Amino acid sequence: AWQIRSAVGVEVPAWLLVPTSHNKSTPVLLCLDPQGREDLWFEPGPDRTPEQMPLVCAADVRGIGDLSPEFSPGAAEYARWHQAEENYAWGSLIFGRPLVGQRAGDILALVAALAGNPETAGRPIKLAARGKLTVPALFAAALERRIAELYLAGGLIAFESVIESETYSHPLANFVPGLLNHTDLPEIAAALVPRPIVLAGPVDASGREVPAA
């Protein structure tokens, strides 16, 4: 069990799962899931023995799992509404700190901790994220070259898709004011070359899977 200092007053919780037998070249897989790290318990499949598995770091980031917004005191119905991620994201924008940036900062702190830990130092670090966490994962990979490979499952294909949609389901948590004046997700991904990126089932702004082409 890990707790990583990401910012003043922010401790990011994570599990580090280490196979009983491994060599120093075994990579570390940093996993992020919108349901939280408790759902990321990995079991070896029939074609993968524990010795072949990577070291796995499953973590929460701000607004996810153990870092979900605190249920504030007061009338329960009012407090429950304000606990929603949408309201947490609005509050973050009001303070000039988009939630996606906070989450990217948490990922960078996790990568730095993995690079400096005796158990994981010197190993390739691969980052896997699902759903809404693919956007902060892509941002973090663009800022941190120690992320050697990126796997994005079910992520938004481009913010241009949001602009082109009359209705969209993509969360406010990933919005950065003025982003499209400068770049979009495909351009950020292209900047990671030659590091490999796997795009598994990318979706448009309404959550519909887009063609592979």
Foldseek 3Di string as FASTA:
>chain_A
DAWFDLDVVHTKDKDWAAQPAEDLQAAEEEEEEQQAQVVPDDDDDPVADSHRHHTYIGIYFQCGDPNQADQDDDDNVVSVVCSDVQNVQVVCVVVVHQLLNRRLSVVLRVLVCQCPDPVRHPYQYEYEYEELNLLSVLVNVLVDVSHQEYEYAQAEPKCVLVVVDPDFDRGSSNDDPPPVVPDMSVVSVVSNPPRYYHYHQYAGRRSHGDDPD
